[in-house]
Each structure stands twice: as C-alpha cells, then as structure tokens.
Amino acid sequence: MTDKTFATSVFFTLAIGGNDLGAFHTCDGLGAQVEVETYAEGGNNGFAWQLPGRITWSNITLTRPVTSDTAKIARWLDELVRRVEPKNGEIVALKPDLSRIVSWQVLGIVPVRWQGPSFDPSSSRAATETLEIAHEGLRPA
C-alpha cells in the first residue's frame, strides 16, 4: 500500500544560498510553461508538427504573517543591495508535525518583490508579508 499524503494543512520553509528564511503559510506559482512552435509541413495537410521550445518558469510568491522570521528577509535583502547574485535554494512543504511532504530545489533565485506588512489598527487581520522570487528552474529535491 502506498502512502497517500494530501497537502491539506501545510506550511512551507524557504532557504536560499544557505540562508534559512523561515516558514510561510502560502506558496503560489510553482509551475512551468513550454513554448510550442507549430510547423505545418508542405504536402501534409492532416496535422501540424508541435515543436517544443523554451521552458519559462513562473515566479513564486510566498506569504506569511509577520513573525520574528521577518527580520531574516530584511537581512537577506540587505546582502543583495550590495550585489544581486542568483543563488540556489529549496522550498519544503511540511505537515504540522514537521514531517516533510515534498520539496523542490529552486535554481538561480533572485528576488523580484518584497511587500512588507501594513498595520491597520481598525482591522482584526494579521499583518502579513509577501516575498516574490524569480528563478531558472525547479528540480525535485
């Protein structure tokens, strides 16, 4: 019998270039798209060739409530202000008991956007932060 673990209540950890950036509640954008070029061969009217081209990778967006881990992103961004250099990292999906569900090696990560928290005393919502990263590809880890 195979283990069927469903990702119903998970969180994600992110590490980039050896920097542990902490846990996130959401992770969106794990995906890729293959560009396809259609080639209609002369004399063959029954179909057209579908030739695969470049693979483009979606940006990944991670979101979490503001915690003490927020300072880790600030330190990481401070390092990048001096020199932006793509680094490999890893995203790990974890169950609440900290057991690993699945992980991805993320190649050539560069930051695209960090959105810090907005504090609104009239709202009961938790202050959140969002980190968007671009990358050169994913591999199973």
N, C-alpha and C. Protein backbone atom coordinates (compact mmCIF):
# COMPACT_ATOMS: atom_id res chain seq x y z
N MET A 1 0.84 -1.18 0.00
CA MET A 1 0.00 0.00 0.00
C MET A 1 0.89 1.24 0.00
N THR A 2 0.57 2.22 -0.81
CA THR A 2 1.37 3.44 -0.89
C THR A 2 0.84 4.48 0.09
N ASP A 3 1.74 5.34 0.54
CA ASP A 3 1.36 6.41 1.44
C ASP A 3 0.75 7.54 0.63
N LYS A 4 -0.47 7.88 0.93
CA LYS A 4 -1.15 8.96 0.22
C LYS A 4 -1.29 10.14 1.18
N THR A 5 -0.33 11.01 1.14
CA THR A 5 -0.35 12.19 1.98
C THR A 5 -0.92 13.33 1.16
N PHE A 6 -1.97 13.91 1.67
CA PHE A 6 -2.60 15.03 0.97
C PHE A 6 -2.20 16.33 1.66
N ALA A 7 -1.87 17.30 0.86
CA ALA A 7 -1.43 18.59 1.38
C ALA A 7 -2.64 19.44 1.75
N THR A 8 -3.23 19.17 2.92
CA THR A 8 -4.41 19.92 3.32
C THR A 8 -4.08 21.01 4.33
N SER A 9 -3.20 20.74 5.25
CA SER A 9 -2.79 21.72 6.24
C SER A 9 -1.26 21.72 6.26
N VAL A 10 -0.68 22.57 5.44
CA VAL A 10 0.76 22.57 5.29
C VAL A 10 1.32 23.97 5.48
N PHE A 11 2.61 24.01 5.67
CA PHE A 11 3.33 25.27 5.57
C PHE A 11 4.62 24.99 4.83
N PHE A 12 5.30 26.04 4.42
CA PHE A 12 6.46 25.92 3.54
C PHE A 12 7.65 26.62 4.18
N THR A 13 8.82 25.99 4.08
CA THR A 13 10.04 26.65 4.51
C THR A 13 10.84 27.02 3.27
N LEU A 14 11.58 28.10 3.37
CA LEU A 14 12.38 28.59 2.26
C LEU A 14 13.81 28.84 2.74
N ALA A 15 14.76 28.28 2.02
CA ALA A 15 16.18 28.55 2.26
C ALA A 15 16.80 28.93 0.93
N ILE A 16 17.59 30.00 0.93
CA ILE A 16 18.25 30.47 -0.29
C ILE A 16 19.72 30.67 0.00
N GLY A 17 20.56 29.98 -0.76
CA GLY A 17 22.01 30.13 -0.60
C GLY A 17 22.49 29.92 0.82
N GLY A 18 21.88 28.97 1.52
CA GLY A 18 22.28 28.69 2.89
C GLY A 18 21.57 29.54 3.93
N ASN A 19 20.80 30.55 3.51
CA ASN A 19 20.04 31.39 4.43
C ASN A 19 18.66 30.79 4.64
N ASP A 20 18.34 30.42 5.88
CA ASP A 20 17.01 29.94 6.23
C ASP A 20 16.12 31.17 6.42
N LEU A 21 15.13 31.32 5.54
CA LEU A 21 14.25 32.49 5.61
C LEU A 21 12.96 32.21 6.37
N GLY A 22 12.83 31.01 6.94
CA GLY A 22 11.70 30.73 7.80
C GLY A 22 10.54 30.04 7.11
N ALA A 23 9.42 30.01 7.82
CA ALA A 23 8.21 29.31 7.36
C ALA A 23 7.20 30.29 6.78
N PHE A 24 6.51 29.84 5.74
CA PHE A 24 5.47 30.62 5.08
C PHE A 24 4.17 29.83 5.08
N HIS A 25 3.04 30.53 5.07
CA HIS A 25 1.74 29.87 5.08
C HIS A 25 1.23 29.54 3.69
N THR A 26 1.61 30.33 2.70
CA THR A 26 1.18 30.05 1.33
C THR A 26 2.37 30.08 0.39
N CYS A 27 2.25 29.29 -0.67
CA CYS A 27 3.28 29.23 -1.71
C CYS A 27 2.54 29.09 -3.04
N ASP A 28 2.62 30.12 -3.87
CA ASP A 28 1.93 30.11 -5.17
C ASP A 28 2.94 30.27 -6.29
N GLY A 29 2.66 29.65 -7.43
CA GLY A 29 3.46 29.87 -8.62
C GLY A 29 4.46 28.78 -8.94
N LEU A 30 4.39 27.65 -8.27
CA LEU A 30 5.28 26.54 -8.64
C LEU A 30 4.78 26.00 -9.97
N GLY A 31 5.42 26.40 -11.06
CA GLY A 31 4.94 25.96 -12.36
C GLY A 31 5.88 26.33 -13.49
N ALA A 32 5.62 25.72 -14.63
CA ALA A 32 6.42 25.97 -15.82
C ALA A 32 5.52 25.92 -17.04
N GLN A 33 5.98 26.55 -18.10
CA GLN A 33 5.25 26.54 -19.36
C GLN A 33 6.25 26.31 -20.49
N VAL A 34 5.90 25.40 -21.39
CA VAL A 34 6.75 25.11 -22.54
C VAL A 34 6.18 25.85 -23.74
N GLU A 35 7.00 26.67 -24.38
CA GLU A 35 6.58 27.34 -25.61
C GLU A 35 6.56 26.29 -26.72
N VAL A 36 5.50 26.29 -27.51
CA VAL A 36 5.36 25.32 -28.59
C VAL A 36 5.26 26.07 -29.91
N GLU A 37 6.10 25.67 -30.86
CA GLU A 37 6.06 26.25 -32.20
C GLU A 37 5.35 25.28 -33.12
N THR A 38 4.36 25.78 -33.82
CA THR A 38 3.63 24.94 -34.76
C THR A 38 4.27 25.05 -36.13
N TYR A 39 4.56 23.89 -36.74
CA TYR A 39 5.19 23.85 -38.05
C TYR A 39 4.32 23.03 -38.98
N ALA A 40 3.79 23.69 -40.01
CA ALA A 40 2.95 23.00 -41.00
C ALA A 40 3.85 22.54 -42.14
N GLU A 41 4.02 21.25 -42.26
CA GLU A 41 4.86 20.67 -43.29
C GLU A 41 4.11 20.69 -44.62
N GLY A 42 4.82 21.13 -45.68
CA GLY A 42 4.19 21.19 -47.01
C GLY A 42 3.79 19.80 -47.49
N GLY A 43 2.59 19.68 -48.05
CA GLY A 43 2.11 18.41 -48.59
C GLY A 43 1.48 17.50 -47.54
N ASN A 44 1.55 17.89 -46.28
CA ASN A 44 0.94 17.08 -45.22
C ASN A 44 -0.14 17.92 -44.56
N ASN A 45 -1.38 17.73 -45.01
CA ASN A 45 -2.49 18.55 -44.53
C ASN A 45 -3.21 17.95 -43.33
N GLY A 46 -2.80 16.74 -42.90
CA GLY A 46 -3.50 16.06 -41.82
C GLY A 46 -3.17 16.58 -40.43
N PHE A 47 -2.01 17.16 -40.26
CA PHE A 47 -1.62 17.68 -38.95
C PHE A 47 -0.47 18.65 -39.12
N ALA A 48 -0.18 19.33 -38.04
CA ALA A 48 0.99 20.21 -37.98
C ALA A 48 1.87 19.74 -36.85
N TRP A 49 3.19 19.83 -37.06
CA TRP A 49 4.13 19.44 -36.02
C TRP A 49 4.07 20.43 -34.86
N GLN A 50 4.11 19.92 -33.65
CA GLN A 50 4.18 20.75 -32.45
C GLN A 50 5.58 20.59 -31.88
N LEU A 51 6.43 21.59 -32.09
CA LEU A 51 7.83 21.52 -31.71
C LEU A 51 8.06 22.26 -30.38
N PRO A 52 8.55 21.55 -29.36
CA PRO A 52 8.78 22.21 -28.07
C PRO A 52 9.93 23.21 -28.16
N GLY A 53 9.77 24.30 -27.45
CA GLY A 53 10.80 25.34 -27.41
C GLY A 53 11.27 25.59 -25.99
N ARG A 54 11.38 26.83 -25.65
CA ARG A 54 11.88 27.23 -24.33
C ARG A 54 10.88 26.88 -23.23
N ILE A 55 11.43 26.65 -22.05
CA ILE A 55 10.62 26.50 -20.86
C ILE A 55 10.71 27.81 -20.08
N THR A 56 9.57 28.34 -19.70
CA THR A 56 9.56 29.52 -18.83
C THR A 56 8.99 29.10 -17.48
N TRP A 57 9.57 29.63 -16.44
CA TRP A 57 9.19 29.28 -15.08
C TRP A 57 8.43 30.42 -14.44
N SER A 58 7.36 30.10 -13.77
CA SER A 58 6.55 31.11 -13.08
C SER A 58 7.30 31.65 -11.88
N ASN A 59 7.07 32.92 -11.57
CA ASN A 59 7.59 33.46 -10.31
C ASN A 59 6.86 32.78 -9.16
N ILE A 60 7.54 32.64 -8.06
CA ILE A 60 6.97 32.01 -6.86
C ILE A 60 6.71 33.09 -5.83
N THR A 61 5.52 33.07 -5.26
CA THR A 61 5.13 34.04 -4.26
C THR A 61 4.82 33.31 -2.95
N LEU A 62 5.49 33.73 -1.89
CA LEU A 62 5.28 33.15 -0.57
C LEU A 62 4.76 34.22 0.37
N THR A 63 3.79 33.85 1.21
CA THR A 63 3.16 34.81 2.11
C THR A 63 3.10 34.22 3.51
N ARG A 64 3.23 35.09 4.50
CA ARG A 64 3.10 34.66 5.90
C ARG A 64 2.74 35.85 6.78
N PRO A 65 2.23 35.55 7.96
CA PRO A 65 2.05 36.62 8.95
C PRO A 65 3.41 37.11 9.41
N VAL A 66 3.47 38.32 9.86
CA VAL A 66 4.72 38.88 10.37
C VAL A 66 5.10 38.14 11.65
N THR A 67 6.34 37.64 11.67
CA THR A 67 6.89 36.94 12.83
C THR A 67 8.33 37.41 13.02
N SER A 68 9.03 36.77 13.92
CA SER A 68 10.46 37.10 14.09
C SER A 68 11.25 36.72 12.85
N ASP A 69 10.72 35.82 11.99
CA ASP A 69 11.40 35.46 10.74
C ASP A 69 11.41 36.61 9.73
N THR A 70 10.57 37.62 9.92
CA THR A 70 10.55 38.77 9.02
C THR A 70 11.93 39.42 8.95
N ALA A 71 12.64 39.44 10.06
CA ALA A 71 13.98 40.04 10.09
C ALA A 71 14.95 39.26 9.20
N LYS A 72 14.72 37.95 9.00
CA LYS A 72 15.60 37.16 8.15
C LYS A 72 15.54 37.65 6.71
N ILE A 73 14.35 38.00 6.24
CA ILE A 73 14.22 38.53 4.88
C ILE A 73 14.90 39.88 4.78
N ALA A 74 14.74 40.72 5.79
CA ALA A 74 15.38 42.04 5.77
C ALA A 74 16.91 41.89 5.68
N ARG A 75 17.48 40.95 6.44
CA ARG A 75 18.94 40.73 6.37
C ARG A 75 19.35 40.21 5.00
N TRP A 76 18.56 39.27 4.45
CA TRP A 76 18.86 38.71 3.12
C TRP A 76 18.81 39.81 2.06
N LEU A 77 17.78 40.65 2.10
CA LEU A 77 17.68 41.75 1.13
C LEU A 77 18.81 42.75 1.31
N ASP A 78 19.24 42.98 2.54
CA ASP A 78 20.34 43.89 2.78
C ASP A 78 21.63 43.38 2.12
N GLU A 79 21.86 42.06 2.17
CA GLU A 79 23.01 41.48 1.49
C GLU A 79 22.92 41.69 -0.02
N LEU A 80 21.69 41.59 -0.56
CA LEU A 80 21.51 41.70 -2.01
C LEU A 80 21.66 43.13 -2.51
N VAL A 81 21.47 44.11 -1.63
CA VAL A 81 21.62 45.50 -2.05
C VAL A 81 23.04 45.73 -2.55
N ARG A 82 23.99 45.07 -1.91
CA ARG A 82 25.39 45.22 -2.30
C ARG A 82 25.69 44.49 -3.60
N ARG A 83 25.07 43.32 -3.80
CA ARG A 83 25.35 42.54 -5.01
C ARG A 83 24.26 41.49 -5.21
N VAL A 84 23.49 41.65 -6.27
CA VAL A 84 22.46 40.66 -6.59
C VAL A 84 23.12 39.53 -7.36
N GLU A 85 23.09 38.36 -6.78
CA GLU A 85 23.69 37.18 -7.38
C GLU A 85 22.71 36.02 -7.26
N PRO A 86 22.31 35.41 -8.40
CA PRO A 86 21.39 34.27 -8.30
C PRO A 86 21.98 33.15 -7.45
N LYS A 87 21.14 32.61 -6.56
CA LYS A 87 21.58 31.51 -5.71
C LYS A 87 20.51 30.43 -5.71
N ASN A 88 20.96 29.20 -5.53
CA ASN A 88 20.02 28.09 -5.44
C ASN A 88 19.42 28.04 -4.04
N GLY A 89 18.25 27.42 -3.97
CA GLY A 89 17.58 27.30 -2.69
C GLY A 89 16.66 26.09 -2.68
N GLU A 90 15.85 26.02 -1.64
CA GLU A 90 14.94 24.89 -1.50
C GLU A 90 13.65 25.34 -0.84
N ILE A 91 12.54 24.85 -1.37
CA ILE A 91 11.23 25.04 -0.76
C ILE A 91 10.78 23.66 -0.29
N VAL A 92 10.37 23.57 0.97
CA VAL A 92 9.92 22.31 1.54
C VAL A 92 8.51 22.49 2.06
N ALA A 93 7.60 21.59 1.65
CA ALA A 93 6.24 21.56 2.19
C ALA A 93 6.23 20.62 3.38
N LEU A 94 5.75 21.12 4.52
CA LEU A 94 5.76 20.35 5.77
C LEU A 94 4.35 20.22 6.34
N LYS A 95 4.10 19.09 6.98
CA LYS A 95 2.87 18.90 7.75
C LYS A 95 3.02 19.63 9.08
N PRO A 96 1.92 19.83 9.80
CA PRO A 96 2.03 20.50 11.11
C PRO A 96 2.98 19.81 12.09
N ASP A 97 3.18 18.47 11.95
CA ASP A 97 4.10 17.77 12.84
C ASP A 97 5.55 17.86 12.35
N LEU A 98 5.82 18.72 11.36
CA LEU A 98 7.13 19.00 10.78
C LEU A 98 7.68 17.88 9.90
N SER A 99 6.87 16.89 9.58
CA SER A 99 7.33 15.86 8.64
C SER A 99 7.21 16.40 7.22
N ARG A 100 8.18 16.03 6.40
CA ARG A 100 8.31 16.52 5.03
C ARG A 100 7.27 15.84 4.14
N ILE A 101 6.58 16.63 3.32
CA ILE A 101 5.65 16.10 2.32
C ILE A 101 6.37 16.01 0.99
N VAL A 102 6.92 17.13 0.55
CA VAL A 102 7.63 17.20 -0.73
C VAL A 102 8.55 18.41 -0.69
N SER A 103 9.60 18.38 -1.49
CA SER A 103 10.50 19.53 -1.55
C SER A 103 10.97 19.74 -2.98
N TRP A 104 11.36 20.98 -3.26
CA TRP A 104 11.84 21.35 -4.59
C TRP A 104 13.15 22.10 -4.43
N GLN A 105 14.11 21.76 -5.27
CA GLN A 105 15.32 22.56 -5.38
C GLN A 105 14.98 23.66 -6.37
N VAL A 106 15.25 24.89 -6.01
CA VAL A 106 14.94 26.04 -6.85
C VAL A 106 16.27 26.63 -7.30
N LEU A 107 16.47 26.71 -8.61
CA LEU A 107 17.76 27.11 -9.18
C LEU A 107 17.78 28.59 -9.53
N GLY A 108 18.88 29.24 -9.25
CA GLY A 108 19.11 30.62 -9.68
C GLY A 108 18.07 31.62 -9.19
N ILE A 109 17.84 31.66 -7.89
CA ILE A 109 16.82 32.53 -7.31
C ILE A 109 17.31 33.97 -7.25
N VAL A 110 16.45 34.89 -7.67
CA VAL A 110 16.67 36.33 -7.47
C VAL A 110 15.36 36.92 -6.96
N PRO A 111 15.43 37.89 -6.06
CA PRO A 111 14.19 38.50 -5.56
C PRO A 111 13.56 39.40 -6.61
N VAL A 112 12.25 39.37 -6.66
CA VAL A 112 11.50 40.25 -7.56
C VAL A 112 10.82 41.35 -6.75
N ARG A 113 10.20 40.93 -5.63
CA ARG A 113 9.43 41.90 -4.85
C ARG A 113 9.27 41.40 -3.42
N TRP A 114 9.39 42.31 -2.48
CA TRP A 114 9.03 42.03 -1.09
C TRP A 114 8.03 43.08 -0.69
N GLN A 115 6.91 42.64 -0.17
CA GLN A 115 5.88 43.56 0.31
C GLN A 115 5.77 43.39 1.80
N GLY A 116 6.19 44.40 2.53
CA GLY A 116 6.15 44.35 3.98
C GLY A 116 4.73 44.52 4.49
N PRO A 117 4.57 44.40 5.78
CA PRO A 117 3.24 44.44 6.37
C PRO A 117 2.64 45.83 6.37
N SER A 118 1.32 45.86 6.32
CA SER A 118 0.57 47.09 6.53
C SER A 118 -0.13 46.93 7.87
N PHE A 119 0.09 47.86 8.75
CA PHE A 119 -0.51 47.78 10.08
C PHE A 119 -1.72 48.70 10.12
N ASP A 120 -2.88 48.11 10.36
CA ASP A 120 -4.13 48.86 10.42
C ASP A 120 -4.83 48.51 11.73
N PRO A 121 -4.80 49.41 12.70
CA PRO A 121 -5.40 49.10 13.99
C PRO A 121 -6.91 48.90 13.93
N SER A 122 -7.57 49.37 12.87
CA SER A 122 -9.02 49.20 12.76
C SER A 122 -9.40 47.83 12.18
N SER A 123 -8.40 47.06 11.75
CA SER A 123 -8.65 45.74 11.17
C SER A 123 -8.17 44.65 12.12
N SER A 124 -8.91 43.55 12.17
CA SER A 124 -8.51 42.43 13.02
C SER A 124 -7.65 41.42 12.27
N ARG A 125 -7.32 41.71 11.01
CA ARG A 125 -6.49 40.81 10.21
C ARG A 125 -5.04 40.89 10.68
N ALA A 126 -4.37 39.76 10.59
CA ALA A 126 -2.94 39.71 10.93
C ALA A 126 -2.13 40.46 9.88
N ALA A 127 -1.09 41.13 10.31
CA ALA A 127 -0.18 41.79 9.37
C ALA A 127 0.60 40.71 8.64
N THR A 128 0.66 40.82 7.32
CA THR A 128 1.34 39.80 6.51
C THR A 128 2.43 40.43 5.66
N GLU A 129 3.35 39.58 5.24
CA GLU A 129 4.38 39.99 4.30
C GLU A 129 4.39 39.00 3.14
N THR A 130 4.84 39.48 1.98
CA THR A 130 4.87 38.66 0.77
C THR A 130 6.24 38.79 0.13
N LEU A 131 6.78 37.65 -0.29
CA LEU A 131 8.06 37.61 -0.99
C LEU A 131 7.83 36.95 -2.34
N GLU A 132 8.23 37.63 -3.41
CA GLU A 132 8.15 37.07 -4.76
C GLU A 132 9.56 36.87 -5.29
N ILE A 133 9.80 35.66 -5.81
CA ILE A 133 11.13 35.36 -6.34
C ILE A 133 11.00 34.85 -7.77
N ALA A 134 12.00 35.18 -8.59
CA ALA A 134 12.14 34.60 -9.93
C ALA A 134 13.23 33.53 -9.84
N HIS A 135 13.22 32.60 -10.79
CA HIS A 135 14.20 31.53 -10.73
C HIS A 135 14.43 30.94 -12.11
N GLU A 136 15.43 30.08 -12.22
CA GLU A 136 15.82 29.48 -13.51
C GLU A 136 15.32 28.06 -13.66
N GLY A 137 14.62 27.53 -12.66
CA GLY A 137 14.09 26.18 -12.80
C GLY A 137 13.89 25.48 -11.48
N LEU A 138 13.12 24.40 -11.52
CA LEU A 138 12.81 23.57 -10.35
C LEU A 138 13.29 22.15 -10.60
N ARG A 139 13.72 21.50 -9.53
CA ARG A 139 14.05 20.08 -9.57
C ARG A 139 13.50 19.44 -8.32
N PRO A 140 13.11 18.18 -8.39
CA PRO A 140 12.71 17.51 -7.14
C PRO A 140 13.93 17.39 -6.23
N ALA A 141 13.72 17.63 -4.96
CA ALA A 141 14.85 17.55 -4.01
C ALA A 141 14.79 16.29 -3.19
